[in-house]
Amino acid sequence: NLADILDEGGRSADAIAALEAAIKADPDYADA
């Protein structure tokens, strides 16, 4: 959800980092 807000705000690099953190937390998180 943090990544989604960051992406909506045009902060792509931060959104990517947040999505990578989501996937690190749950490697099978398909939506992320």
mmCIF file of all heavy atoms, coordinates in Angstrom:
data_MODEL
# 
_entry.id   MODEL 
# 
loop_
_atom_site.group_PDB 
_atom_site.id 
_atom_site.type_symbol 
_atom_site.label_atom_id 
_atom_site.label_alt_id 
_atom_site.label_comp_id 
_atom_site.label_asym_id 
_atom_site.label_entity_id 
_atom_site.label_seq_id 
_atom_site.pdbx_PDB_ins_code 
_atom_site.Cartn_x 
_atom_site.Cartn_y 
_atom_site.Cartn_z 
_atom_site.occupancy 
_atom_site.B_iso_or_equiv 
_atom_site.pdbx_formal_charge 
_atom_site.auth_seq_id 
_atom_site.auth_comp_id 
_atom_site.auth_asym_id 
_atom_site.auth_atom_id 
_atom_site.pdbx_PDB_model_num 
ATOM 1   N N   . ASN A 1 1  ? 0.820  -1.215  0.000   1.00 0.00 ? 1  ASN A N   1 
ATOM 2   C CA  . ASN A 1 1  ? 0.000  0.000   0.000   1.00 0.00 ? 1  ASN A CA  1 
ATOM 3   C C   . ASN A 1 1  ? 0.852  1.262   0.000   1.00 0.00 ? 1  ASN A C   1 
ATOM 4   O O   . ASN A 1 1  ? 0.506  2.257   -0.635  1.00 0.00 ? 1  ASN A O   1 
ATOM 5   C CB  . ASN A 1 1  ? -0.960 -0.002  1.184   1.00 0.00 ? 1  ASN A CB  1 
ATOM 6   C CG  . ASN A 1 1  ? -2.128 -0.964  0.990   1.00 0.00 ? 1  ASN A CG  1 
ATOM 7   O OD1 . ASN A 1 1  ? -2.131 -1.773  0.064   1.00 0.00 ? 1  ASN A OD1 1 
ATOM 8   N ND2 . ASN A 1 1  ? -3.104 -0.885  1.859   1.00 0.00 ? 1  ASN A ND2 1 
ATOM 9   N N   . LEU A 1 2  ? 1.976  1.218   0.715   1.00 0.00 ? 2  LEU A N   1 
ATOM 10  C CA  . LEU A 1 2  ? 2.913  2.341   0.690   1.00 0.00 ? 2  LEU A CA  1 
ATOM 11  C C   . LEU A 1 2  ? 3.427  2.561   -0.731  1.00 0.00 ? 2  LEU A C   1 
ATOM 12  O O   . LEU A 1 2  ? 3.473  3.694   -1.222  1.00 0.00 ? 2  LEU A O   1 
ATOM 13  C CB  . LEU A 1 2  ? 4.081  2.097   1.653   1.00 0.00 ? 2  LEU A CB  1 
ATOM 14  C CG  . LEU A 1 2  ? 5.206  3.126   1.626   1.00 0.00 ? 2  LEU A CG  1 
ATOM 15  C CD1 . LEU A 1 2  ? 4.696  4.527   1.972   1.00 0.00 ? 2  LEU A CD1 1 
ATOM 16  C CD2 . LEU A 1 2  ? 6.321  2.709   2.578   1.00 0.00 ? 2  LEU A CD2 1 
ATOM 17  N N   . ALA A 1 3  ? 3.775  1.476   -1.415  1.00 0.00 ? 3  ALA A N   1 
ATOM 18  C CA  . ALA A 1 3  ? 4.256  1.579   -2.799  1.00 0.00 ? 3  ALA A CA  1 
ATOM 19  C C   . ALA A 1 3  ? 3.204  2.217   -3.694  1.00 0.00 ? 3  ALA A C   1 
ATOM 20  O O   . ALA A 1 3  ? 3.527  3.038   -4.558  1.00 0.00 ? 3  ALA A O   1 
ATOM 21  C CB  . ALA A 1 3  ? 4.633  0.192   -3.324  1.00 0.00 ? 3  ALA A CB  1 
ATOM 22  N N   . ASP A 1 4  ? 1.951  1.863   -3.484  1.00 0.00 ? 4  ASP A N   1 
ATOM 23  C CA  . ASP A 1 4  ? 0.873  2.405   -4.302  1.00 0.00 ? 4  ASP A CA  1 
ATOM 24  C C   . ASP A 1 4  ? 0.761  3.917   -4.129  1.00 0.00 ? 4  ASP A C   1 
ATOM 25  O O   . ASP A 1 4  ? 0.628  4.662   -5.106  1.00 0.00 ? 4  ASP A O   1 
ATOM 26  C CB  . ASP A 1 4  ? -0.437 1.703   -3.940  1.00 0.00 ? 4  ASP A CB  1 
ATOM 27  C CG  . ASP A 1 4  ? -1.495 1.860   -5.015  1.00 0.00 ? 4  ASP A CG  1 
ATOM 28  O OD1 . ASP A 1 4  ? -1.145 1.819   -6.213  1.00 0.00 ? 4  ASP A OD1 1 
ATOM 29  O OD2 . ASP A 1 4  ? -2.671 2.023   -4.652  1.00 0.00 ? 4  ASP A OD2 1 
ATOM 30  N N   . ILE A 1 5  ? 0.830  4.378   -2.894  1.00 0.00 ? 5  ILE A N   1 
ATOM 31  C CA  . ILE A 1 5  ? 0.780  5.830   -2.638  1.00 0.00 ? 5  ILE A CA  1 
ATOM 32  C C   . ILE A 1 5  ? 1.991  6.526   -3.266  1.00 0.00 ? 5  ILE A C   1 
ATOM 33  O O   . ILE A 1 5  ? 1.859  7.594   -3.863  1.00 0.00 ? 5  ILE A O   1 
ATOM 34  C CB  . ILE A 1 5  ? 0.720  6.116   -1.124  1.00 0.00 ? 5  ILE A CB  1 
ATOM 35  C CG1 . ILE A 1 5  ? -0.705 5.977   -0.626  1.00 0.00 ? 5  ILE A CG1 1 
ATOM 36  C CG2 . ILE A 1 5  ? 1.238  7.498   -0.789  1.00 0.00 ? 5  ILE A CG2 1 
ATOM 37  C CD1 . ILE A 1 5  ? -0.922 6.394   0.797   1.00 0.00 ? 5  ILE A CD1 1 
ATOM 38  N N   . LEU A 1 6  ? 3.158  5.913   -3.131  1.00 0.00 ? 6  LEU A N   1 
ATOM 39  C CA  . LEU A 1 6  ? 4.371  6.512   -3.695  1.00 0.00 ? 6  LEU A CA  1 
ATOM 40  C C   . LEU A 1 6  ? 4.285  6.589   -5.213  1.00 0.00 ? 6  LEU A C   1 
ATOM 41  O O   . LEU A 1 6  ? 4.663  7.597   -5.816  1.00 0.00 ? 6  LEU A O   1 
ATOM 42  C CB  . LEU A 1 6  ? 5.596  5.705   -3.260  1.00 0.00 ? 6  LEU A CB  1 
ATOM 43  C CG  . LEU A 1 6  ? 5.901  5.736   -1.760  1.00 0.00 ? 6  LEU A CG  1 
ATOM 44  C CD1 . LEU A 1 6  ? 6.941  4.686   -1.402  1.00 0.00 ? 6  LEU A CD1 1 
ATOM 45  C CD2 . LEU A 1 6  ? 6.355  7.119   -1.330  1.00 0.00 ? 6  LEU A CD2 1 
ATOM 46  N N   . ASP A 1 7  ? 3.770  5.532   -5.834  1.00 0.00 ? 7  ASP A N   1 
ATOM 47  C CA  . ASP A 1 7  ? 3.625  5.518   -7.290  1.00 0.00 ? 7  ASP A CA  1 
ATOM 48  C C   . ASP A 1 7  ? 2.629  6.582   -7.733  1.00 0.00 ? 7  ASP A C   1 
ATOM 49  O O   . ASP A 1 7  ? 2.883  7.315   -8.697  1.00 0.00 ? 7  ASP A O   1 
ATOM 50  C CB  . ASP A 1 7  ? 3.186  4.127   -7.758  1.00 0.00 ? 7  ASP A CB  1 
ATOM 51  C CG  . ASP A 1 7  ? 3.147  4.014   -9.267  1.00 0.00 ? 7  ASP A CG  1 
ATOM 52  O OD1 . ASP A 1 7  ? 3.978  4.646   -9.955  1.00 0.00 ? 7  ASP A OD1 1 
ATOM 53  O OD2 . ASP A 1 7  ? 2.272  3.285   -9.784  1.00 0.00 ? 7  ASP A OD2 1 
ATOM 54  N N   . GLU A 1 8  ? 1.511  6.700   -7.014  1.00 0.00 ? 8  GLU A N   1 
ATOM 55  C CA  . GLU A 1 8  ? 0.528  7.740   -7.347  1.00 0.00 ? 8  GLU A CA  1 
ATOM 56  C C   . GLU A 1 8  ? 1.135  9.134   -7.238  1.00 0.00 ? 8  GLU A C   1 
ATOM 57  O O   . GLU A 1 8  ? 0.749  10.044  -7.969  1.00 0.00 ? 8  GLU A O   1 
ATOM 58  C CB  . GLU A 1 8  ? -0.686 7.648   -6.411  1.00 0.00 ? 8  GLU A CB  1 
ATOM 59  C CG  . GLU A 1 8  ? -1.604 6.495   -6.705  1.00 0.00 ? 8  GLU A CG  1 
ATOM 60  C CD  . GLU A 1 8  ? -2.724 6.356   -5.684  1.00 0.00 ? 8  GLU A CD  1 
ATOM 61  O OE1 . GLU A 1 8  ? -2.801 7.189   -4.742  1.00 0.00 ? 8  GLU A OE1 1 
ATOM 62  O OE2 . GLU A 1 8  ? -3.512 5.416   -5.821  1.00 0.00 ? 8  GLU A OE2 1 
ATOM 63  N N   . GLY A 1 9  ? 2.095  9.292   -6.338  1.00 0.00 ? 9  GLY A N   1 
ATOM 64  C CA  . GLY A 1 9  ? 2.759  10.579  -6.155  1.00 0.00 ? 9  GLY A CA  1 
ATOM 65  C C   . GLY A 1 9  ? 3.920  10.807  -7.102  1.00 0.00 ? 9  GLY A C   1 
ATOM 66  O O   . GLY A 1 9  ? 4.643  11.792  -6.983  1.00 0.00 ? 9  GLY A O   1 
ATOM 67  N N   . GLY A 1 10 ? 4.132  9.879   -8.041  1.00 0.00 ? 10 GLY A N   1 
ATOM 68  C CA  . GLY A 1 10 ? 5.199  10.026  -9.030  1.00 0.00 ? 10 GLY A CA  1 
ATOM 69  C C   . GLY A 1 10 ? 6.585  9.702   -8.509  1.00 0.00 ? 10 GLY A C   1 
ATOM 70  O O   . GLY A 1 10 ? 7.587  10.058  -9.126  1.00 0.00 ? 10 GLY A O   1 
ATOM 71  N N   . ARG A 1 11 ? 6.662  9.021   -7.371  1.00 0.00 ? 11 ARG A N   1 
ATOM 72  C CA  . ARG A 1 11 ? 7.965  8.662   -6.805  1.00 0.00 ? 11 ARG A CA  1 
ATOM 73  C C   . ARG A 1 11 ? 8.274  7.197   -7.113  1.00 0.00 ? 11 ARG A C   1 
ATOM 74  O O   . ARG A 1 11 ? 8.211  6.317   -6.261  1.00 0.00 ? 11 ARG A O   1 
ATOM 75  C CB  . ARG A 1 11 ? 7.972  8.943   -5.307  1.00 0.00 ? 11 ARG A CB  1 
ATOM 76  C CG  . ARG A 1 11 ? 7.863  10.442  -5.036  1.00 0.00 ? 11 ARG A CG  1 
ATOM 77  C CD  . ARG A 1 11 ? 7.820  10.773  -3.587  1.00 0.00 ? 11 ARG A CD  1 
ATOM 78  N NE  . ARG A 1 11 ? 6.477  10.483  -3.082  1.00 0.00 ? 11 ARG A NE  1 
ATOM 79  C CZ  . ARG A 1 11 ? 6.175  10.391  -1.792  1.00 0.00 ? 11 ARG A CZ  1 
ATOM 80  N NH1 . ARG A 1 11 ? 7.105  10.543  -0.879  1.00 0.00 ? 11 ARG A NH1 1 
ATOM 81  N NH2 . ARG A 1 11 ? 4.943  10.144  -1.418  1.00 0.00 ? 11 ARG A NH2 1 
ATOM 82  N N   . SER A 1 12 ? 8.583  6.957   -8.376  1.00 0.00 ? 12 SER A N   1 
ATOM 83  C CA  . SER A 1 12 ? 8.746  5.593   -8.875  1.00 0.00 ? 12 SER A CA  1 
ATOM 84  C C   . SER A 1 12 ? 9.858  4.828   -8.175  1.00 0.00 ? 12 SER A C   1 
ATOM 85  O O   . SER A 1 12 ? 9.688  3.649   -7.839  1.00 0.00 ? 12 SER A O   1 
ATOM 86  C CB  . SER A 1 12 ? 9.023  5.611   -10.386 1.00 0.00 ? 12 SER A CB  1 
ATOM 87  O OG  . SER A 1 12 ? 7.946  6.211   -11.061 1.00 0.00 ? 12 SER A OG  1 
ATOM 88  N N   . ALA A 1 13 ? 11.009 5.455   -7.957  1.00 0.00 ? 13 ALA A N   1 
ATOM 89  C CA  . ALA A 1 13 ? 12.130 4.749   -7.320  1.00 0.00 ? 13 ALA A CA  1 
ATOM 90  C C   . ALA A 1 13 ? 11.745 4.296   -5.913  1.00 0.00 ? 13 ALA A C   1 
ATOM 91  O O   . ALA A 1 13 ? 12.045 3.156   -5.514  1.00 0.00 ? 13 ALA A O   1 
ATOM 92  C CB  . ALA A 1 13 ? 13.369 5.644   -7.278  1.00 0.00 ? 13 ALA A CB  1 
ATOM 93  N N   . ASP A 1 14 ? 11.060 5.146   -5.167  1.00 0.00 ? 14 ASP A N   1 
ATOM 94  C CA  . ASP A 1 14 ? 10.618 4.776   -3.822  1.00 0.00 ? 14 ASP A CA  1 
ATOM 95  C C   . ASP A 1 14 ? 9.558  3.688   -3.878  1.00 0.00 ? 14 ASP A C   1 
ATOM 96  O O   . ASP A 1 14 ? 9.528  2.790   -3.028  1.00 0.00 ? 14 ASP A O   1 
ATOM 97  C CB  . ASP A 1 14 ? 10.072 5.999   -3.083  1.00 0.00 ? 14 ASP A CB  1 
ATOM 98  C CG  . ASP A 1 14 ? 11.151 7.029   -2.764  1.00 0.00 ? 14 ASP A CG  1 
ATOM 99  O OD1 . ASP A 1 14 ? 12.336 6.645   -2.685  1.00 0.00 ? 14 ASP A OD1 1 
ATOM 100 O OD2 . ASP A 1 14 ? 10.799 8.209   -2.601  1.00 0.00 ? 14 ASP A OD2 1 
ATOM 101 N N   . ALA A 1 15 ? 8.670  3.761   -4.879  1.00 0.00 ? 15 ALA A N   1 
ATOM 102 C CA  . ALA A 1 15 ? 7.631  2.737   -5.042  1.00 0.00 ? 15 ALA A CA  1 
ATOM 103 C C   . ALA A 1 15 ? 8.262  1.380   -5.348  1.00 0.00 ? 15 ALA A C   1 
ATOM 104 O O   . ALA A 1 15 ? 7.841  0.349   -4.804  1.00 0.00 ? 15 ALA A O   1 
ATOM 105 C CB  . ALA A 1 15 ? 6.662  3.144   -6.144  1.00 0.00 ? 15 ALA A CB  1 
ATOM 106 N N   . ILE A 1 16 ? 9.272  1.380   -6.198  1.00 0.00 ? 16 ILE A N   1 
ATOM 107 C CA  . ILE A 1 16 ? 9.973  0.133   -6.519  1.00 0.00 ? 16 ILE A CA  1 
ATOM 108 C C   . ILE A 1 16 ? 10.604 -0.456  -5.259  1.00 0.00 ? 16 ILE A C   1 
ATOM 109 O O   . ILE A 1 16 ? 10.483 -1.653  -4.989  1.00 0.00 ? 16 ILE A O   1 
ATOM 110 C CB  . ILE A 1 16 ? 11.035 0.363   -7.627  1.00 0.00 ? 16 ILE A CB  1 
ATOM 111 C CG1 . ILE A 1 16 ? 10.336 0.586   -8.971  1.00 0.00 ? 16 ILE A CG1 1 
ATOM 112 C CG2 . ILE A 1 16 ? 12.017 -0.799  -7.706  1.00 0.00 ? 16 ILE A CG2 1 
ATOM 113 C CD1 . ILE A 1 16 ? 11.254 1.059   -10.076 1.00 0.00 ? 16 ILE A CD1 1 
ATOM 114 N N   . ALA A 1 17 ? 11.247 0.386   -4.479  1.00 0.00 ? 17 ALA A N   1 
ATOM 115 C CA  . ALA A 1 17 ? 11.884 -0.092  -3.232  1.00 0.00 ? 17 ALA A CA  1 
ATOM 116 C C   . ALA A 1 17 ? 10.836 -0.683  -2.283  1.00 0.00 ? 17 ALA A C   1 
ATOM 117 O O   . ALA A 1 17 ? 11.066 -1.723  -1.652  1.00 0.00 ? 17 ALA A O   1 
ATOM 118 C CB  . ALA A 1 17 ? 12.643 1.038   -2.557  1.00 0.00 ? 17 ALA A CB  1 
ATOM 119 N N   . ALA A 1 18 ? 9.674  -0.051  -2.182  1.00 0.00 ? 18 ALA A N   1 
ATOM 120 C CA  . ALA A 1 18 ? 8.622  -0.554  -1.299  1.00 0.00 ? 18 ALA A CA  1 
ATOM 121 C C   . ALA A 1 18 ? 8.061  -1.875  -1.817  1.00 0.00 ? 18 ALA A C   1 
ATOM 122 O O   . ALA A 1 18 ? 7.805  -2.800  -1.037  1.00 0.00 ? 18 ALA A O   1 
ATOM 123 C CB  . ALA A 1 18 ? 7.511  0.487   -1.147  1.00 0.00 ? 18 ALA A CB  1 
ATOM 124 N N   . LEU A 1 19 ? 7.881  -1.998  -3.125  1.00 0.00 ? 19 LEU A N   1 
ATOM 125 C CA  . LEU A 1 19 ? 7.400  -3.261  -3.691  1.00 0.00 ? 19 LEU A CA  1 
ATOM 126 C C   . LEU A 1 19 ? 8.423  -4.372  -3.491  1.00 0.00 ? 19 LEU A C   1 
ATOM 127 O O   . LEU A 1 19 ? 8.064  -5.517  -3.188  1.00 0.00 ? 19 LEU A O   1 
ATOM 128 C CB  . LEU A 1 19 ? 7.061  -3.095  -5.177  1.00 0.00 ? 19 LEU A CB  1 
ATOM 129 C CG  . LEU A 1 19 ? 5.771  -2.329  -5.467  1.00 0.00 ? 19 LEU A CG  1 
ATOM 130 C CD1 . LEU A 1 19 ? 5.669  -1.965  -6.933  1.00 0.00 ? 19 LEU A CD1 1 
ATOM 131 C CD2 . LEU A 1 19 ? 4.554  -3.133  -5.019  1.00 0.00 ? 19 LEU A CD2 1 
ATOM 132 N N   . GLU A 1 20 ? 9.685  -4.043  -3.645  1.00 0.00 ? 20 GLU A N   1 
ATOM 133 C CA  . GLU A 1 20 ? 10.734 -5.043  -3.392  1.00 0.00 ? 20 GLU A CA  1 
ATOM 134 C C   . GLU A 1 20 ? 10.722 -5.486  -1.934  1.00 0.00 ? 20 GLU A C   1 
ATOM 135 O O   . GLU A 1 20 ? 10.931 -6.660  -1.628  1.00 0.00 ? 20 GLU A O   1 
ATOM 136 C CB  . GLU A 1 20 ? 12.097 -4.503  -3.816  1.00 0.00 ? 20 GLU A CB  1 
ATOM 137 C CG  . GLU A 1 20 ? 12.233 -4.448  -5.334  1.00 0.00 ? 20 GLU A CG  1 
ATOM 138 C CD  . GLU A 1 20 ? 13.496 -3.740  -5.826  1.00 0.00 ? 20 GLU A CD  1 
ATOM 139 O OE1 . GLU A 1 20 ? 14.122 -2.996  -5.037  1.00 0.00 ? 20 GLU A OE1 1 
ATOM 140 O OE2 . GLU A 1 20 ? 13.832 -3.931  -7.006  1.00 0.00 ? 20 GLU A OE2 1 
ATOM 141 N N   . ALA A 1 21 ? 10.461 -4.559  -1.020  1.00 0.00 ? 21 ALA A N   1 
ATOM 142 C CA  . ALA A 1 21 ? 10.359 -4.910  0.402   1.00 0.00 ? 21 ALA A CA  1 
ATOM 143 C C   . ALA A 1 21 ? 9.144  -5.808  0.644   1.00 0.00 ? 21 ALA A C   1 
ATOM 144 O O   . ALA A 1 21 ? 9.218  -6.755  1.446   1.00 0.00 ? 21 ALA A O   1 
ATOM 145 C CB  . ALA A 1 21 ? 10.280 -3.650  1.258   1.00 0.00 ? 21 ALA A CB  1 
ATOM 146 N N   . ALA A 1 22 ? 8.043  -5.545  -0.043  1.00 0.00 ? 22 ALA A N   1 
ATOM 147 C CA  . ALA A 1 22 ? 6.845  -6.392  0.085   1.00 0.00 ? 22 ALA A CA  1 
ATOM 148 C C   . ALA A 1 22 ? 7.147  -7.804  -0.392  1.00 0.00 ? 22 ALA A C   1 
ATOM 149 O O   . ALA A 1 22 ? 6.762  -8.790  0.248   1.00 0.00 ? 22 ALA A O   1 
ATOM 150 C CB  . ALA A 1 22 ? 5.681  -5.798  -0.710  1.00 0.00 ? 22 ALA A CB  1 
ATOM 151 N N   . ILE A 1 23 ? 7.871  -7.904  -1.509  1.00 0.00 ? 23 ILE A N   1 
ATOM 152 C CA  . ILE A 1 23 ? 8.213  -9.224  -2.064  1.00 0.00 ? 23 ILE A CA  1 
ATOM 153 C C   . ILE A 1 23 ? 9.239  -9.933  -1.185  1.00 0.00 ? 23 ILE A C   1 
ATOM 154 O O   . ILE A 1 23 ? 9.182  -11.155 -1.000  1.00 0.00 ? 23 ILE A O   1 
ATOM 155 C CB  . ILE A 1 23 ? 8.712  -9.069  -3.526  1.00 0.00 ? 23 ILE A CB  1 
ATOM 156 C CG1 . ILE A 1 23 ? 7.552  -8.563  -4.399  1.00 0.00 ? 23 ILE A CG1 1 
ATOM 157 C CG2 . ILE A 1 23 ? 9.265  -10.388 -4.053  1.00 0.00 ? 23 ILE A CG2 1 
ATOM 158 C CD1 . ILE A 1 23 ? 7.982  -8.032  -5.753  1.00 0.00 ? 23 ILE A CD1 1 
ATOM 159 N N   . LYS A 1 24 ? 10.138 -9.183  -0.594  1.00 0.00 ? 24 LYS A N   1 
ATOM 160 C CA  . LYS A 1 24 ? 11.091 -9.787  0.346   1.00 0.00 ? 24 LYS A CA  1 
ATOM 161 C C   . LYS A 1 24 ? 10.346 -10.363 1.547   1.00 0.00 ? 24 LYS A C   1 
ATOM 162 O O   . LYS A 1 24 ? 10.658 -11.451 2.029   1.00 0.00 ? 24 LYS A O   1 
ATOM 163 C CB  . LYS A 1 24 ? 12.113 -8.743  0.804   1.00 0.00 ? 24 LYS A CB  1 
ATOM 164 C CG  . LYS A 1 24 ? 13.153 -9.288  1.752   1.00 0.00 ? 24 LYS A CG  1 
ATOM 165 C CD  . LYS A 1 24 ? 14.146 -8.217  2.179   1.00 0.00 ? 24 LYS A CD  1 
ATOM 166 C CE  . LYS A 1 24 ? 15.139 -8.800  3.179   1.00 0.00 ? 24 LYS A CE  1 
ATOM 167 N NZ  . LYS A 1 24 ? 16.002 -7.768  3.727   1.00 0.00 ? 24 LYS A NZ  1 
ATOM 168 N N   . ALA A 1 25 ? 9.323  -9.641  2.014   1.00 0.00 ? 25 ALA A N   1 
ATOM 169 C CA  . ALA A 1 25 ? 8.522  -10.103 3.153   1.00 0.00 ? 25 ALA A CA  1 
ATOM 170 C C   . ALA A 1 25 ? 7.672  -11.316 2.779   1.00 0.00 ? 25 ALA A C   1 
ATOM 171 O O   . ALA A 1 25 ? 7.455  -12.202 3.602   1.00 0.00 ? 25 ALA A O   1 
ATOM 172 C CB  . ALA A 1 25 ? 7.634  -8.975  3.664   1.00 0.00 ? 25 ALA A CB  1 
ATOM 173 N N   . ASP A 1 26 ? 7.198  -11.349 1.540   1.00 0.00 ? 26 ASP A N   1 
ATOM 174 C CA  . ASP A 1 26 ? 6.365  -12.457 1.061   1.00 0.00 ? 26 ASP A CA  1 
ATOM 175 C C   . ASP A 1 26 ? 6.730  -12.733 -0.399  1.00 0.00 ? 26 ASP A C   1 
ATOM 176 O O   . ASP A 1 26 ? 6.183  -12.113 -1.312  1.00 0.00 ? 26 ASP A O   1 
ATOM 177 C CB  . ASP A 1 26 ? 4.887  -12.103 1.184   1.00 0.00 ? 26 ASP A CB  1 
ATOM 178 C CG  . ASP A 1 26 ? 3.958  -13.219 0.704   1.00 0.00 ? 26 ASP A CG  1 
ATOM 179 O OD1 . ASP A 1 26 ? 4.452  -14.279 0.254   1.00 0.00 ? 26 ASP A OD1 1 
ATOM 180 O OD2 . ASP A 1 26 ? 2.732  -13.031 0.777   1.00 0.00 ? 26 ASP A OD2 1 
ATOM 181 N N   . PRO A 1 27 ? 7.679  -13.653 -0.636  1.00 0.00 ? 27 PRO A N   1 
ATOM 182 C CA  . PRO A 1 27 ? 8.170  -13.904 -1.998  1.00 0.00 ? 27 PRO A CA  1 
ATOM 183 C C   . PRO A 1 27 ? 7.098  -14.329 -3.002  1.00 0.00 ? 27 PRO A C   1 
ATOM 184 O O   . PRO A 1 27 ? 7.295  -14.194 -4.207  1.00 0.00 ? 27 PRO A O   1 
ATOM 185 C CB  . PRO A 1 27 ? 9.201  -15.018 -1.804  1.00 0.00 ? 27 PRO A CB  1 
ATOM 186 C CG  . PRO A 1 27 ? 9.636  -14.885 -0.383  1.00 0.00 ? 27 PRO A CG  1 
ATOM 187 C CD  . PRO A 1 27 ? 8.419  -14.425 0.366   1.00 0.00 ? 27 PRO A CD  1 
ATOM 188 N N   . ASP A 1 28 ? 5.978  -14.825 -2.538  1.00 0.00 ? 28 ASP A N   1 
ATOM 189 C CA  . ASP A 1 28 ? 4.900  -15.252 -3.432  1.00 0.00 ? 28 ASP A CA  1 
ATOM 190 C C   . ASP A 1 28 ? 3.748  -14.252 -3.488  1.00 0.00 ? 28 ASP A C   1 
ATOM 191 O O   . ASP A 1 28 ? 2.624  -14.604 -3.871  1.00 0.00 ? 28 ASP A O   1 
ATOM 192 C CB  . ASP A 1 28 ? 4.366  -16.624 -3.003  1.00 0.00 ? 28 ASP A CB  1 
ATOM 193 C CG  . ASP A 1 28 ? 5.405  -17.717 -3.190  1.00 0.00 ? 28 ASP A CG  1 
ATOM 194 O OD1 . ASP A 1 28 ? 6.308  -17.550 -4.041  1.00 0.00 ? 28 ASP A OD1 1 
ATOM 195 O OD2 . ASP A 1 28 ? 5.325  -18.733 -2.481  1.00 0.00 ? 28 ASP A OD2 1 
ATOM 196 N N   . TYR A 1 29 ? 3.992  -13.019 -3.140  1.00 0.00 ? 29 TYR A N   1 
ATOM 197 C CA  . TYR A 1 29 ? 2.956  -11.981 -3.137  1.00 0.00 ? 29 TYR A CA  1 
ATOM 198 C C   . TYR A 1 29 ? 2.734  -11.543 -4.587  1.00 0.00 ? 29 TYR A C   1 
ATOM 199 O O   . TYR A 1 29 ? 3.360  -10.620 -5.100  1.00 0.00 ? 29 TYR A O   1 
ATOM 200 C CB  . TYR A 1 29 ? 3.414  -10.829 -2.262  1.00 0.00 ? 29 TYR A CB  1 
ATOM 201 C CG  . TYR A 1 29 ? 2.370  -9.809  -1.903  1.00 0.00 ? 29 TYR A CG  1 
ATOM 202 C CD1 . TYR A 1 29 ? 2.650  -8.823  -0.978  1.00 0.00 ? 29 TYR A CD1 1 
ATOM 203 C CD2 . TYR A 1 29 ? 1.102  -9.805  -2.473  1.00 0.00 ? 29 TYR A CD2 1 
ATOM 204 C CE1 . TYR A 1 29 ? 1.717  -7.862  -0.617  1.00 0.00 ? 29 TYR A CE1 1 
ATOM 205 C CE2 . TYR A 1 29 ? 0.157  -8.858  -2.133  1.00 0.00 ? 29 TYR A CE2 1 
ATOM 206 C CZ  . TYR A 1 29 ? 0.472  -7.891  -1.201  1.00 0.00 ? 29 TYR A CZ  1 
ATOM 207 O OH  . TYR A 1 29 ? -0.457 -6.942  -0.864  1.00 0.00 ? 29 TYR A OH  1 
ATOM 208 N N   . ALA A 1 30 ? 1.784  -12.205 -5.236  1.00 0.00 ? 30 ALA A N   1 
ATOM 209 C CA  . ALA A 1 30 ? 1.564  -12.025 -6.669  1.00 0.00 ? 30 ALA A CA  1 
ATOM 210 C C   . ALA A 1 30 ? 1.214  -10.587 -7.037  1.00 0.00 ? 30 ALA A C   1 
ATOM 211 O O   . ALA A 1 30 ? 1.716  -10.059 -8.045  1.00 0.00 ? 30 ALA A O   1 
ATOM 212 C CB  . ALA A 1 30 ? 0.473  -12.977 -7.147  1.00 0.00 ? 30 ALA A CB  1 
ATOM 213 N N   . ASP A 1 31 ? 0.365  -9.931  -6.258  1.00 0.00 ? 31 ASP A N   1 
ATOM 214 C CA  . ASP A 1 31 ? -0.023 -8.546  -6.588  1.00 0.00 ? 31 ASP A CA  1 
ATOM 215 C C   . ASP A 1 31 ? 1.178  -7.612  -6.574  1.00 0.00 ? 31 ASP A C   1 
ATOM 216 O O   . ASP A 1 31 ? 1.307  -6.728  -7.423  1.00 0.00 ? 31 ASP A O   1 
ATOM 217 C CB  . ASP A 1 31 ? -1.079 -8.040  -5.612  1.00 0.00 ? 31 ASP A CB  1 
ATOM 218 C CG  . ASP A 1 31 ? -2.430 -8.714  -5.804  1.00 0.00 ? 31 ASP A CG  1 
ATOM 219 O OD1 . ASP A 1 31 ? -2.621 -9.397  -6.842  1.00 0.00 ? 31 ASP A OD1 1 
ATOM 220 O OD2 . ASP A 1 31 ? -3.295 -8.563  -4.929  1.00 0.00 ? 31 ASP A OD2 1 
ATOM 221 N N   . ALA A 1 32 ? 2.068  -7.807  -5.602  1.00 0.00 ? 32 ALA A N   1 
ATOM 222 C CA  . ALA A 1 32 ? 3.263  -6.957  -5.525  1.00 0.00 ? 32 ALA A CA  1 
ATOM 223 C C   . ALA A 1 32 ? 4.180  -7.228  -6.720  1.00 0.00 ? 32 ALA A C   1 
ATOM 224 O O   . ALA A 1 32 ? 4.749  -6.290  -7.295  1.00 0.00 ? 32 ALA A O   1 
ATOM 225 C CB  . ALA A 1 32 ? 4.001  -7.197  -4.218  1.00 0.00 ? 32 ALA A CB  1 
# 
